[in-house]
Amino acid sequence: MVAYGIAKARAKANRTDWNERTEITKAVITWFDADYEYELEIENEHRMDNEEFTAWVEENAESLAKADAEENGTTFEEIDSIDFEETDIDDDALFDEAYEAACEFEWECQTGR
């Protein structure tokens, strides 16, 4: 197994944007019926990349809002806006998780577990 420091240095060398990236975690669709404004939150549960998630939400926004209106017992009229929430990607945490999993796998292979 490659030492932690060496492995992390290699990983950082392969990414010029280490700890500078963001990911879209949620979309908020604001829609109206005749009387009220509603907000429908859509989580990026499958961790789609930003472009894919944005395109999917924009393509399906009206049908999602109509389904939400049906659940709320009202009639969908129009979409006001779609906002996306982003969070920073913690490359250090992702690396640590992957490194720990690799160490565990190597240990299991060596011990026959």
PDB file of N, CA and C in Angstrom:
ATOM      1  N   MET A   1       0.850  -1.175   0.000  1.00  0.00           N
ATOM      2  CA  MET A   1       0.000   0.000   0.000  1.00  0.00           C
ATOM      3  C   MET A   1       0.893   1.234   0.000  1.00  0.00           C
ATOM      4  N   VAL A   2       0.520   2.194  -0.806  1.00  0.00           N
ATOM      5  CA  VAL A   2       1.261   3.453  -0.868  1.00  0.00           C
ATOM      6  C   VAL A   2       0.977   4.244   0.402  1.00  0.00           C
ATOM      7  N   ALA A   3       2.004   4.856   0.954  1.00  0.00           N
ATOM      8  CA  ALA A   3       1.848   5.649   2.173  1.00  0.00           C
ATOM      9  C   ALA A   3       0.842   6.775   1.941  1.00  0.00           C
ATOM     10  N   TYR A   4       0.150   7.133   3.010  1.00  0.00           N
ATOM     11  CA  TYR A   4      -0.911   8.135   2.948  1.00  0.00           C
ATOM     12  C   TYR A   4      -0.426   9.443   2.319  1.00  0.00           C
ATOM     13  N   GLY A   5       0.668   9.964   2.794  1.00  0.00           N
ATOM     14  CA  GLY A   5       1.176  11.245   2.303  1.00  0.00           C
ATOM     15  C   GLY A   5       1.511  11.220   0.823  1.00  0.00           C
ATOM     16  N   ILE A   6       2.128  10.131   0.387  1.00  0.00           N
ATOM     17  CA  ILE A   6       2.487   9.999  -1.028  1.00  0.00           C
ATOM     18  C   ILE A   6       1.227   9.869  -1.874  1.00  0.00           C
ATOM     19  N   ALA A   7       0.290   9.052  -1.415  1.00  0.00           N
ATOM     20  CA  ALA A   7      -0.958   8.865  -2.160  1.00  0.00           C
ATOM     21  C   ALA A   7      -1.732  10.176  -2.280  1.00  0.00           C
ATOM     22  N   LYS A   8      -1.780  10.936  -1.197  1.00  0.00           N
ATOM     23  CA  LYS A   8      -2.518  12.205  -1.228  1.00  0.00           C
ATOM     24  C   LYS A   8      -1.808  13.216  -2.127  1.00  0.00           C
ATOM     25  N   ALA A   9      -0.491  13.247  -2.082  1.00  0.00           N
ATOM     26  CA  ALA A   9       0.264  14.155  -2.953  1.00  0.00           C
ATOM     27  C   ALA A   9       0.012  13.821  -4.420  1.00  0.00           C
ATOM     28  N   ARG A  10      -0.040  12.533  -4.745  1.00  0.00           N
ATOM     29  CA  ARG A  10      -0.333  12.117  -6.123  1.00  0.00           C
ATOM     30  C   ARG A  10      -1.746  12.536  -6.522  1.00  0.00           C
ATOM     31  N   ALA A  11      -2.693  12.331  -5.616  1.00  0.00           N
ATOM     32  CA  ALA A  11      -4.081  12.696  -5.912  1.00  0.00           C
ATOM     33  C   ALA A  11      -4.206  14.198  -6.151  1.00  0.00           C
ATOM     34  N   LYS A  12      -3.547  14.999  -5.322  1.00  0.00           N
ATOM     35  CA  LYS A  12      -3.600  16.455  -5.482  1.00  0.00           C
ATOM     36  C   LYS A  12      -2.922  16.893  -6.778  1.00  0.00           C
ATOM     37  N   ALA A  13      -1.856  16.215  -7.153  1.00  0.00           N
ATOM     38  CA  ALA A  13      -1.144  16.564  -8.383  1.00  0.00           C
ATOM     39  C   ALA A  13      -2.012  16.319  -9.617  1.00  0.00           C
ATOM     40  N   ASN A  14      -2.941  15.379  -9.508  1.00  0.00           N
ATOM     41  CA  ASN A  14      -3.815  15.058 -10.638  1.00  0.00           C
ATOM     42  C   ASN A  14      -5.048  15.949 -10.725  1.00  0.00           C
ATOM     43  N   ARG A  15      -5.255  16.836  -9.753  1.00  0.00           N
ATOM     44  CA  ARG A  15      -6.410  17.752  -9.758  1.00  0.00           C
ATOM     45  C   ARG A  15      -5.917  19.170  -9.553  1.00  0.00           C
ATOM     46  N   THR A  16      -6.141  20.016 -10.518  1.00  0.00           N
ATOM     47  CA  THR A  16      -5.751  21.418 -10.358  1.00  0.00           C
ATOM     48  C   THR A  16      -6.783  22.200  -9.549  1.00  0.00           C
ATOM     49  N   ASP A  17      -7.958  21.613  -9.363  1.00  0.00           N
ATOM     50  CA  ASP A  17      -9.039  22.301  -8.643  1.00  0.00           C
ATOM     51  C   ASP A  17      -9.345  21.636  -7.296  1.00  0.00           C
ATOM     52  N   TRP A  18      -8.314  21.132  -6.628  1.00  0.00           N
ATOM     53  CA  TRP A  18      -8.484  20.437  -5.345  1.00  0.00           C
ATOM     54  C   TRP A  18      -9.170  21.362  -4.341  1.00  0.00           C
ATOM     55  N   ASN A  19     -10.269  20.916  -3.781  1.00  0.00           N
ATOM     56  CA  ASN A  19     -11.081  21.670  -2.815  1.00  0.00           C
ATOM     57  C   ASN A  19     -11.615  22.999  -3.359  1.00  0.00           C
ATOM     58  N   GLU A  20     -11.723  23.127  -4.673  1.00  0.00           N
ATOM     59  CA  GLU A  20     -12.266  24.341  -5.279  1.00  0.00           C
ATOM     60  C   GLU A  20     -13.563  24.075  -6.034  1.00  0.00           C
ATOM     61  N   ARG A  21     -13.949  22.822  -6.161  1.00  0.00           N
ATOM     62  CA  ARG A  21     -15.148  22.470  -6.925  1.00  0.00           C
ATOM     63  C   ARG A  21     -16.394  22.583  -6.060  1.00  0.00           C
ATOM     64  N   THR A  22     -17.527  22.702  -6.731  1.00  0.00           N
ATOM     65  CA  THR A  22     -18.818  22.686  -6.043  1.00  0.00           C
ATOM     66  C   THR A  22     -19.707  21.657  -6.726  1.00  0.00           C
ATOM     67  N   GLU A  23     -20.734  21.242  -6.000  1.00  0.00           N
ATOM     68  CA  GLU A  23     -21.721  20.347  -6.593  1.00  0.00           C
ATOM     69  C   GLU A  23     -23.111  20.839  -6.220  1.00  0.00           C
ATOM     70  N   ILE A  24     -24.043  20.645  -7.148  1.00  0.00           N
ATOM     71  CA  ILE A  24     -25.429  21.012  -6.878  1.00  0.00           C
ATOM     72  C   ILE A  24     -26.042  19.896  -6.047  1.00  0.00           C
ATOM     73  N   THR A  25     -26.565  20.264  -4.887  1.00  0.00           N
ATOM     74  CA  THR A  25     -27.151  19.272  -3.988  1.00  0.00           C
ATOM     75  C   THR A  25     -28.669  19.294  -3.997  1.00  0.00           C
ATOM     76  N   LYS A  26     -29.238  20.424  -4.433  1.00  0.00           N
ATOM     77  CA  LYS A  26     -30.689  20.545  -4.355  1.00  0.00           C
ATOM     78  C   LYS A  26     -31.182  21.580  -5.359  1.00  0.00           C
ATOM     79  N   ALA A  27     -32.396  21.341  -5.873  1.00  0.00           N
ATOM     80  CA  ALA A  27     -33.092  22.332  -6.691  1.00  0.00           C
ATOM     81  C   ALA A  27     -34.365  22.714  -5.954  1.00  0.00           C
ATOM     82  N   VAL A  28     -34.725  23.975  -6.020  1.00  0.00           N
ATOM     83  CA  VAL A  28     -35.968  24.451  -5.420  1.00  0.00           C
ATOM     84  C   VAL A  28     -36.813  25.041  -6.543  1.00  0.00           C
ATOM     85  N   ILE A  29     -37.929  24.372  -6.824  1.00  0.00           N
ATOM     86  CA  ILE A  29     -38.857  24.833  -7.854  1.00  0.00           C
ATOM     87  C   ILE A  29     -39.948  25.639  -7.157  1.00  0.00           C
ATOM     88  N   THR A  30     -40.086  26.896  -7.531  1.00  0.00           N
ATOM     89  CA  THR A  30     -41.137  27.749  -6.973  1.00  0.00           C
ATOM     90  C   THR A  30     -42.258  27.815  -8.001  1.00  0.00           C
ATOM     91  N   TRP A  31     -43.456  27.409  -7.578  1.00  0.00           N
ATOM     92  CA  TRP A  31     -44.597  27.398  -8.492  1.00  0.00           C
ATOM     93  C   TRP A  31     -45.824  27.983  -7.804  1.00  0.00           C
ATOM     94  N   PHE A  32     -46.817  28.330  -8.614  1.00  0.00           N
ATOM     95  CA  PHE A  32     -48.027  28.978  -8.108  1.00  0.00           C
ATOM     96  C   PHE A  32     -49.273  28.199  -8.472  1.00  0.00           C
ATOM     97  N   ASP A  33     -50.287  28.327  -7.611  1.00  0.00           N
ATOM     98  CA  ASP A  33     -51.653  27.987  -7.995  1.00  0.00           C
ATOM     99  C   ASP A  33     -52.389  29.326  -8.050  1.00  0.00           C
ATOM    100  N   ALA A  34     -53.697  29.319  -8.014  1.00  0.00           N
ATOM    101  CA  ALA A  34     -54.452  30.573  -8.125  1.00  0.00           C
ATOM    102  C   ALA A  34     -54.226  31.501  -6.933  1.00  0.00           C
ATOM    103  N   ASP A  35     -53.906  30.936  -5.764  1.00  0.00           N
ATOM    104  CA  ASP A  35     -53.846  31.754  -4.555  1.00  0.00           C
ATOM    105  C   ASP A  35     -52.488  31.817  -3.863  1.00  0.00           C
ATOM    106  N   TYR A  36     -51.676  30.781  -3.993  1.00  0.00           N
ATOM    107  CA  TYR A  36     -50.473  30.683  -3.171  1.00  0.00           C
ATOM    108  C   TYR A  36     -49.236  30.361  -3.997  1.00  0.00           C
ATOM    109  N   GLU A  37     -48.095  30.572  -3.338  1.00  0.00           N
ATOM    110  CA  GLU A  37     -46.798  30.197  -3.894  1.00  0.00           C
ATOM    111  C   GLU A  37     -46.311  28.966  -3.137  1.00  0.00           C
ATOM    112  N   TYR A  38     -45.746  28.011  -3.849  1.00  0.00           N
ATOM    113  CA  TYR A  38     -45.245  26.780  -3.238  1.00  0.00           C
ATOM    114  C   TYR A  38     -43.788  26.587  -3.618  1.00  0.00           C
ATOM    115  N   GLU A  39     -43.056  25.898  -2.755  1.00  0.00           N
ATOM    116  CA  GLU A  39     -41.678  25.529  -3.052  1.00  0.00           C
ATOM    117  C   GLU A  39     -41.547  24.016  -2.984  1.00  0.00           C
ATOM    118  N   LEU A  40     -40.996  23.457  -4.025  1.00  0.00           N
ATOM    119  CA  LEU A  40     -40.757  22.017  -4.099  1.00  0.00           C
ATOM    120  C   LEU A  40     -39.248  21.803  -4.134  1.00  0.00           C
ATOM    121  N   GLU A  41     -38.731  21.081  -3.143  1.00  0.00           N
ATOM    122  CA  GLU A  41     -37.295  20.807  -3.075  1.00  0.00           C
ATOM    123  C   GLU A  41     -37.005  19.441  -3.681  1.00  0.00           C
ATOM    124  N   ILE A  42     -36.047  19.411  -4.588  1.00  0.00           N
ATOM    125  CA  ILE A  42     -35.618  18.178  -5.240  1.00  0.00           C
ATOM    126  C   ILE A  42     -34.160  17.948  -4.860  1.00  0.00           C
ATOM    127  N   GLU A  43     -33.895  16.871  -4.133  1.00  0.00           N
ATOM    128  CA  GLU A  43     -32.530  16.530  -3.714  1.00  0.00           C
ATOM    129  C   GLU A  43     -31.803  15.803  -4.847  1.00  0.00           C
ATOM    130  N   ASN A  44     -30.529  16.053  -4.988  1.00  0.00           N
ATOM    131  CA  ASN A  44     -29.693  15.350  -5.958  1.00  0.00           C
ATOM    132  C   ASN A  44     -29.211  14.050  -5.308  1.00  0.00           C
ATOM    133  N   GLU A  45     -30.148  13.128  -5.109  1.00  0.00           N
ATOM    134  CA  GLU A  45     -29.873  11.890  -4.367  1.00  0.00           C
ATOM    135  C   GLU A  45     -28.897  10.964  -5.072  1.00  0.00           C
ATOM    136  N   HIS A  46     -28.895  11.004  -6.391  1.00  0.00           N
ATOM    137  CA  HIS A  46     -28.050  10.078  -7.148  1.00  0.00           C
ATOM    138  C   HIS A  46     -26.701  10.697  -7.509  1.00  0.00           C
ATOM    139  N   ARG A  47     -26.419  11.866  -6.919  1.00  0.00           N
ATOM    140  CA  ARG A  47     -25.153  12.577  -7.129  1.00  0.00           C
ATOM    141  C   ARG A  47     -24.817  12.736  -8.608  1.00  0.00           C
ATOM    142  N   MET A  48     -25.830  13.167  -9.376  1.00  0.00           N
ATOM    143  CA  MET A  48     -25.596  13.478 -10.782  1.00  0.00           C
ATOM    144  C   MET A  48     -24.642  14.670 -10.848  1.00  0.00           C
ATOM    145  N   ASP A  49     -23.890  14.768 -11.944  1.00  0.00           N
ATOM    146  CA  ASP A  49     -23.035  15.947 -12.064  1.00  0.00           C
ATOM    147  C   ASP A  49     -23.914  17.179 -12.282  1.00  0.00           C
ATOM    148  N   ASN A  50     -23.339  18.347 -12.112  1.00  0.00           N
ATOM    149  CA  ASN A  50     -24.110  19.592 -12.129  1.00  0.00           C
ATOM    150  C   ASN A  50     -24.917  19.775 -13.408  1.00  0.00           C
ATOM    151  N   GLU A  51     -24.296  19.542 -14.559  1.00  0.00           N
ATOM    152  CA  GLU A  51     -24.981  19.741 -15.830  1.00  0.00           C
ATOM    153  C   GLU A  51     -26.139  18.761 -15.994  1.00  0.00           C
ATOM    154  N   GLU A  52     -25.901  17.507 -15.642  1.00  0.00           N
ATOM    155  CA  GLU A  52     -26.930  16.479 -15.780  1.00  0.00           C
ATOM    156  C   GLU A  52     -28.119  16.762 -14.855  1.00  0.00           C
ATOM    157  N   PHE A  53     -27.847  17.131 -13.606  1.00  0.00           N
ATOM    158  CA  PHE A  53     -28.922  17.411 -12.653  1.00  0.00           C
ATOM    159  C   PHE A  53     -29.711  18.650 -13.073  1.00  0.00           C
ATOM    160  N   THR A  54     -29.012  19.702 -13.483  1.00  0.00           N
ATOM    161  CA  THR A  54     -29.679  20.922 -13.929  1.00  0.00           C
ATOM    162  C   THR A  54     -30.593  20.631 -15.114  1.00  0.00           C
ATOM    163  N   ALA A  55     -30.082  19.903 -16.098  1.00  0.00           N
ATOM    164  CA  ALA A  55     -30.884  19.571 -17.281  1.00  0.00           C
ATOM    165  C   ALA A  55     -32.092  18.727 -16.901  1.00  0.00           C
ATOM    166  N   TRP A  56     -31.902  17.747 -16.024  1.00  0.00           N
ATOM    167  CA  TRP A  56     -33.007  16.874 -15.611  1.00  0.00           C
ATOM    168  C   TRP A  56     -34.097  17.670 -14.901  1.00  0.00           C
ATOM    169  N   VAL A  57     -33.703  18.547 -13.985  1.00  0.00           N
ATOM    170  CA  VAL A  57     -34.690  19.350 -13.246  1.00  0.00           C
ATOM    171  C   VAL A  57     -35.437  20.270 -14.200  1.00  0.00           C
ATOM    172  N   GLU A  58     -34.709  20.961 -15.076  1.00  0.00           N
ATOM    173  CA  GLU A  58     -35.360  21.885 -16.002  1.00  0.00           C
ATOM    174  C   GLU A  58     -36.311  21.155 -16.942  1.00  0.00           C
ATOM    175  N   GLU A  59     -35.931  19.969 -17.375  1.00  0.00           N
ATOM    176  CA  GLU A  59     -36.772  19.177 -18.274  1.00  0.00           C
ATOM    177  C   GLU A  59     -38.034  18.669 -17.575  1.00  0.00           C
ATOM    178  N   ASN A  60     -37.920  18.326 -16.301  1.00  0.00           N
ATOM    179  CA  ASN A  60     -39.033  17.712 -15.576  1.00  0.00           C
ATOM    180  C   ASN A  60     -39.733  18.639 -14.590  1.00  0.00           C
ATOM    181  N   ALA A  61     -39.362  19.905 -14.549  1.00  0.00           N
ATOM    182  CA  ALA A  61     -39.896  20.833 -13.544  1.00  0.00           C
ATOM    183  C   ALA A  61     -41.417  20.919 -13.572  1.00  0.00           C
ATOM    184  N   GLU A  62     -41.987  21.040 -14.750  1.00  0.00           N
ATOM    185  CA  GLU A  62     -43.439  21.197 -14.824  1.00  0.00           C
ATOM    186  C   GLU A  62     -44.167  19.947 -14.336  1.00  0.00           C
ATOM    187  N   SER A  63     -43.724  18.770 -14.753  1.00  0.00           N
ATOM    188  CA  SER A  63     -44.397  17.543 -14.306  1.00  0.00           C
ATOM    189  C   SER A  63     -44.195  17.324 -12.807  1.00  0.00           C
ATOM    190  N   LEU A  64     -43.032  17.689 -12.277  1.00  0.00           N
ATOM    191  CA  LEU A  64     -42.799  17.578 -10.834  1.00  0.00           C
ATOM    192  C   LEU A  64     -43.703  18.536 -10.064  1.00  0.00           C
ATOM    193  N   ALA A  65     -43.845  19.760 -10.574  1.00  0.00           N
ATOM    194  CA  ALA A  65     -44.711  20.749  -9.917  1.00  0.00           C
ATOM    195  C   ALA A  65     -46.174  20.315  -9.985  1.00  0.00           C
ATOM    196  N   LYS A  66     -46.591  19.748 -11.112  1.00  0.00           N
ATOM    197  CA  LYS A  66     -47.975  19.262 -11.233  1.00  0.00           C
ATOM    198  C   LYS A  66     -48.240  18.135 -10.238  1.00  0.00           C
ATOM    199  N   ALA A  67     -47.285  17.234 -10.077  1.00  0.00           N
ATOM    200  CA  ALA A  67     -47.441  16.144  -9.107  1.00  0.00           C
ATOM    201  C   ALA A  67     -47.500  16.698  -7.687  1.00  0.00           C
ATOM    202  N   ASP A  68     -46.693  17.718  -7.398  1.00  0.00           N
ATOM    203  CA  ASP A  68     -46.719  18.351  -6.081  1.00  0.00           C
ATOM    204  C   ASP A  68     -48.060  19.041  -5.848  1.00  0.00           C
ATOM    205  N   ALA A  69     -48.591  19.668  -6.877  1.00  0.00           N
ATOM    206  CA  ALA A  69     -49.899  20.324  -6.762  1.00  0.00           C
ATOM    207  C   ALA A  69     -50.984  19.303  -6.452  1.00  0.00           C
ATOM    208  N   GLU A  70     -50.912  18.161  -7.116  1.00  0.00           N
ATOM    209  CA  GLU A  70     -51.893  17.101  -6.867  1.00  0.00           C
ATOM    210  C   GLU A  70     -51.808  16.615  -5.423  1.00  0.00           C
ATOM    211  N   GLU A  71     -50.577  16.454  -4.920  1.00  0.00           N
ATOM    212  CA  GLU A  71     -50.388  16.042  -3.521  1.00  0.00           C
ATOM    213  C   GLU A  71     -50.949  17.070  -2.547  1.00  0.00           C
ATOM    214  N   ASN A  72     -50.851  18.351  -2.924  1.00  0.00           N
ATOM    215  CA  ASN A  72     -51.342  19.429  -2.073  1.00  0.00           C
ATOM    216  C   ASN A  72     -52.821  19.731  -2.298  1.00  0.00           C
ATOM    217  N   GLY A  73     -53.463  18.986  -3.193  1.00  0.00           N
ATOM    218  CA  GLY A  73     -54.887  19.174  -3.441  1.00  0.00           C
ATOM    219  C   GLY A  73     -55.215  20.493  -4.113  1.00  0.00           C
ATOM    220  N   THR A  74     -54.337  20.934  -4.999  1.00  0.00           N
ATOM    221  CA  THR A  74     -54.564  22.201  -5.691  1.00  0.00           C
ATOM    222  C   THR A  74     -54.232  22.041  -7.170  1.00  0.00           C
ATOM    223  N   THR A  75     -54.330  23.117  -7.915  1.00  0.00           N
ATOM    224  CA  THR A  75     -54.093  23.079  -9.351  1.00  0.00           C
ATOM    225  C   THR A  75     -52.867  23.917  -9.702  1.00  0.00           C
ATOM    226  N   PHE A  76     -51.926  23.300 -10.362  1.00  0.00           N
ATOM    227  CA  PHE A  76     -50.714  23.982 -10.814  1.00  0.00           C
ATOM    228  C   PHE A  76     -51.077  25.011 -11.882  1.00  0.00           C
ATOM    229  N   GLU A  77     -50.496  26.216 -11.768  1.00  0.00           N
ATOM    230  CA  GLU A  77     -50.714  27.230 -12.802  1.00  0.00           C
ATOM    231  C   GLU A  77     -49.439  27.546 -13.567  1.00  0.00           C
ATOM    232  N   GLU A  78     -48.369  27.882 -12.840  1.00  0.00           N
ATOM    233  CA  GLU A  78     -47.126  28.192 -13.536  1.00  0.00           C
ATOM    234  C   GLU A  78     -45.921  28.091 -12.604  1.00  0.00           C
ATOM    235  N   ILE A  79     -44.761  27.928 -13.235  1.00  0.00           N
ATOM    236  CA  ILE A  79     -43.499  27.914 -12.492  1.00  0.00           C
ATOM    237  C   ILE A  79     -42.963  29.340 -12.454  1.00  0.00           C
ATOM    238  N   ASP A  80     -42.584  29.774 -11.277  1.00  0.00           N
ATOM    239  CA  ASP A  80     -42.009  31.110 -11.116  1.00  0.00           C
ATOM    240  C   ASP A  80     -40.501  31.071 -11.307  1.00  0.00           C
ATOM    241  N   SER A  81     -39.837  30.111 -10.650  1.00  0.00           N
ATOM    242  CA  SER A  81     -38.376  30.053 -10.743  1.00  0.00           C
ATOM    243  C   SER A  81     -37.868  28.676 -10.348  1.00  0.00           C
ATOM    244  N   ILE A  82     -36.633  28.423 -10.747  1.00  0.00           N
ATOM    245  CA  ILE A  82     -35.909  27.224 -10.324  1.00  0.00           C
ATOM    246  C   ILE A  82     -34.557  27.703  -9.808  1.00  0.00           C
ATOM    247  N   ASP A  83     -34.286  27.427  -8.550  1.00  0.00           N
ATOM    248  CA  ASP A  83     -33.010  27.810  -7.943  1.00  0.00           C
ATOM    249  C   ASP A  83     -32.247  26.548  -7.567  1.00  0.00           C
ATOM    250  N   PHE A  84     -30.939  26.621  -7.694  1.00  0.00           N
ATOM    251  CA  PHE A  84     -30.090  25.482  -7.376  1.00  0.00           C
ATOM    252  C   PHE A  84     -29.184  25.839  -6.207  1.00  0.00           C
ATOM    253  N   GLU A  85     -29.052  24.906  -5.259  1.00  0.00           N
ATOM    254  CA  GLU A  85     -28.175  25.101  -4.105  1.00  0.00           C
ATOM    255  C   GLU A  85     -26.910  24.275  -4.298  1.00  0.00           C
ATOM    256  N   GLU A  86     -25.777  24.930  -4.104  1.00  0.00           N
ATOM    257  CA  GLU A  86     -24.480  24.276  -4.272  1.00  0.00           C
ATOM    258  C   GLU A  86     -23.750  24.186  -2.938  1.00  0.00           C
ATOM    259  N   THR A  87     -22.928  23.169  -2.825  1.00  0.00           N
ATOM    260  CA  THR A  87     -22.027  23.059  -1.681  1.00  0.00           C
ATOM    261  C   THR A  87     -20.621  22.781  -2.210  1.00  0.00           C
ATOM    262  N   ASP A  88     -19.643  23.107  -1.399  1.00  0.00           N
ATOM    263  CA  ASP A  88     -18.259  22.838  -1.774  1.00  0.00           C
ATOM    264  C   ASP A  88     -17.985  21.343  -1.669  1.00  0.00           C
ATOM    265  N   ILE A  89     -17.191  20.848  -2.598  1.00  0.00           N
ATOM    266  CA  ILE A  89     -16.765  19.452  -2.550  1.00  0.00           C
ATOM    267  C   ILE A  89     -15.494  19.389  -1.711  1.00  0.00           C
ATOM    268  N   ASP A  90     -15.500  18.564  -0.678  1.00  0.00           N
ATOM    269  CA  ASP A  90     -14.344  18.406   0.202  1.00  0.00           C
ATOM    270  C   ASP A  90     -13.488  17.252  -0.329  1.00  0.00           C
ATOM    271  N   ASP A  91     -12.544  17.594  -1.194  1.00  0.00           N
ATOM    272  CA  ASP A  91     -11.687  16.566  -1.786  1.00  0.00           C
ATOM    273  C   ASP A  91     -10.848  15.844  -0.743  1.00  0.00           C
ATOM    274  N   ASP A  92     -10.476  16.537   0.338  1.00  0.00           N
ATOM    275  CA  ASP A  92      -9.705  15.890   1.402  1.00  0.00           C
ATOM    276  C   ASP A  92     -10.518  14.764   2.039  1.00  0.00           C
ATOM    277  N   ALA A  93     -11.787  15.035   2.336  1.00  0.00           N
ATOM    278  CA  ALA A  93     -12.645  14.012   2.946  1.00  0.00           C
ATOM    279  C   ALA A  93     -12.894  12.860   1.979  1.00  0.00           C
ATOM    280  N   LEU A  94     -13.112  13.179   0.697  1.00  0.00           N
ATOM    281  CA  LEU A  94     -13.319  12.116  -0.293  1.00  0.00           C
ATOM    282  C   LEU A  94     -12.076  11.246  -0.424  1.00  0.00           C
ATOM    283  N   PHE A  95     -10.900  11.873  -0.414  1.00  0.00           N
ATOM    284  CA  PHE A  95      -9.658  11.114  -0.488  1.00  0.00           C
ATOM    285  C   PHE A  95      -9.508  10.217   0.731  1.00  0.00           C
ATOM    286  N   ASP A  96      -9.735  10.784   1.921  1.00  0.00           N
ATOM    287  CA  ASP A  96      -9.596   9.998   3.153  1.00  0.00           C
ATOM    288  C   ASP A  96     -10.515   8.786   3.142  1.00  0.00           C
ATOM    289  N   GLU A  97     -11.737   8.978   2.674  1.00  0.00           N
ATOM    290  CA  GLU A  97     -12.700   7.872   2.603  1.00  0.00           C
ATOM    291  C   GLU A  97     -12.214   6.790   1.639  1.00  0.00           C
ATOM    292  N   ALA A  98     -11.734   7.196   0.472  1.00  0.00           N
ATOM    293  CA  ALA A  98     -11.250   6.232  -0.515  1.00  0.00           C
ATOM    294  C   ALA A  98      -9.984   5.534  -0.028  1.00  0.00           C
ATOM    295  N   TYR A  99      -9.091   6.270   0.619  1.00  0.00           N
ATOM    296  CA  TYR A  99      -7.850   5.685   1.120  1.00  0.00           C
ATOM    297  C   TYR A  99      -8.144   4.666   2.216  1.00  0.00           C
ATOM    298  N   GLU A 100      -9.055   5.025   3.115  1.00  0.00           N
ATOM    299  CA  GLU A 100      -9.431   4.101   4.190  1.00  0.00           C
ATOM    300  C   GLU A 100     -10.046   2.820   3.627  1.00  0.00           C
ATOM    301  N   ALA A 101     -10.886   2.957   2.615  1.00  0.00           N
ATOM    302  CA  ALA A 101     -11.502   1.781   1.989  1.00  0.00           C
ATOM    303  C   ALA A 101     -10.444   0.907   1.318  1.00  0.00           C
ATOM    304  N   ALA A 102      -9.460   1.540   0.668  1.00  0.00           N
ATOM    305  CA  ALA A 102      -8.392   0.778   0.022  1.00  0.00           C
ATOM    306  C   ALA A 102      -7.541   0.047   1.051  1.00  0.00           C
ATOM    307  N   CYS A 103      -7.248   0.698   2.168  1.00  0.00           N
ATOM    308  CA  CYS A 103      -6.479   0.047   3.244  1.00  0.00           C
ATOM    309  C   CYS A 103      -7.247  -1.139   3.811  1.00  0.00           C
ATOM    310  N   GLU A 104      -8.520  -0.954   4.044  1.00  0.00           N
ATOM    311  CA  GLU A 104      -9.362  -2.033   4.576  1.00  0.00           C
ATOM    312  C   GLU A 104      -9.391  -3.213   3.611  1.00  0.00           C
ATOM    313  N   PHE A 105      -9.536  -2.923   2.314  1.00  0.00           N
ATOM    314  CA  PHE A 105      -9.568  -3.977   1.310  1.00  0.00           C
ATOM    315  C   PHE A 105      -8.241  -4.734   1.286  1.00  0.00           C
ATOM    316  N   GLU A 106      -7.139  -3.994   1.312  1.00  0.00           N
ATOM    317  CA  GLU A 106      -5.831  -4.649   1.297  1.00  0.00           C
ATOM    318  C   GLU A 106      -5.642  -5.517   2.534  1.00  0.00           C
ATOM    319  N   TRP A 107      -6.046  -5.018   3.696  1.00  0.00           N
ATOM    320  CA  TRP A 107      -5.933  -5.785   4.932  1.00  0.00           C
ATOM    321  C   TRP A 107      -6.768  -7.061   4.846  1.00  0.00           C
ATOM    322  N   GLU A 108      -7.988  -6.950   4.324  1.00  0.00           N
ATOM    323  CA  GLU A 108      -8.851  -8.128   4.191  1.00  0.00           C
ATOM    324  C   GLU A 108      -8.249  -9.151   3.239  1.00  0.00           C
ATOM    325  N   CYS A 109      -7.639  -8.684   2.152  1.00  0.00           N
ATOM    326  CA  CYS A 109      -7.009  -9.605   1.201  1.00  0.00           C
ATOM    327  C   CYS A 109      -5.819 -10.324   1.838  1.00  0.00           C
ATOM    328  N   GLN A 110      -5.047  -9.602   2.634  1.00  0.00           N
ATOM    329  CA  GLN A 110      -3.866 -10.195   3.250  1.00  0.00           C
ATOM    330  C   GLN A 110      -4.223 -11.155   4.375  1.00  0.00           C
ATOM    331  N   THR A 111      -5.317 -10.910   5.062  1.00  0.00           N
ATOM    332  CA  THR A 111      -5.688 -11.766   6.193  1.00  0.00           C
ATOM    333  C   THR A 111      -6.697 -12.840   5.806  1.00  0.00           C
ATOM    334  N   GLY A 112      -7.154 -12.801   4.567  1.00  0.00           N
ATOM    335  CA  GLY A 112      -8.105 -13.816   4.115  1.00  0.00           C
ATOM    336  C   GLY A 112      -9.500 -13.645   4.682  1.00  0.00           C
ATOM    337  N   ARG A 113      -9.806 -12.485   5.149  1.00  0.00           N
ATOM    338  CA  ARG A 113     -11.134 -12.216   5.720  1.00  0.00           C
ATOM    339  C   ARG A 113     -12.210 -12.159   4.707  1.00  0.00           C
TER     340      ARG A 113
END
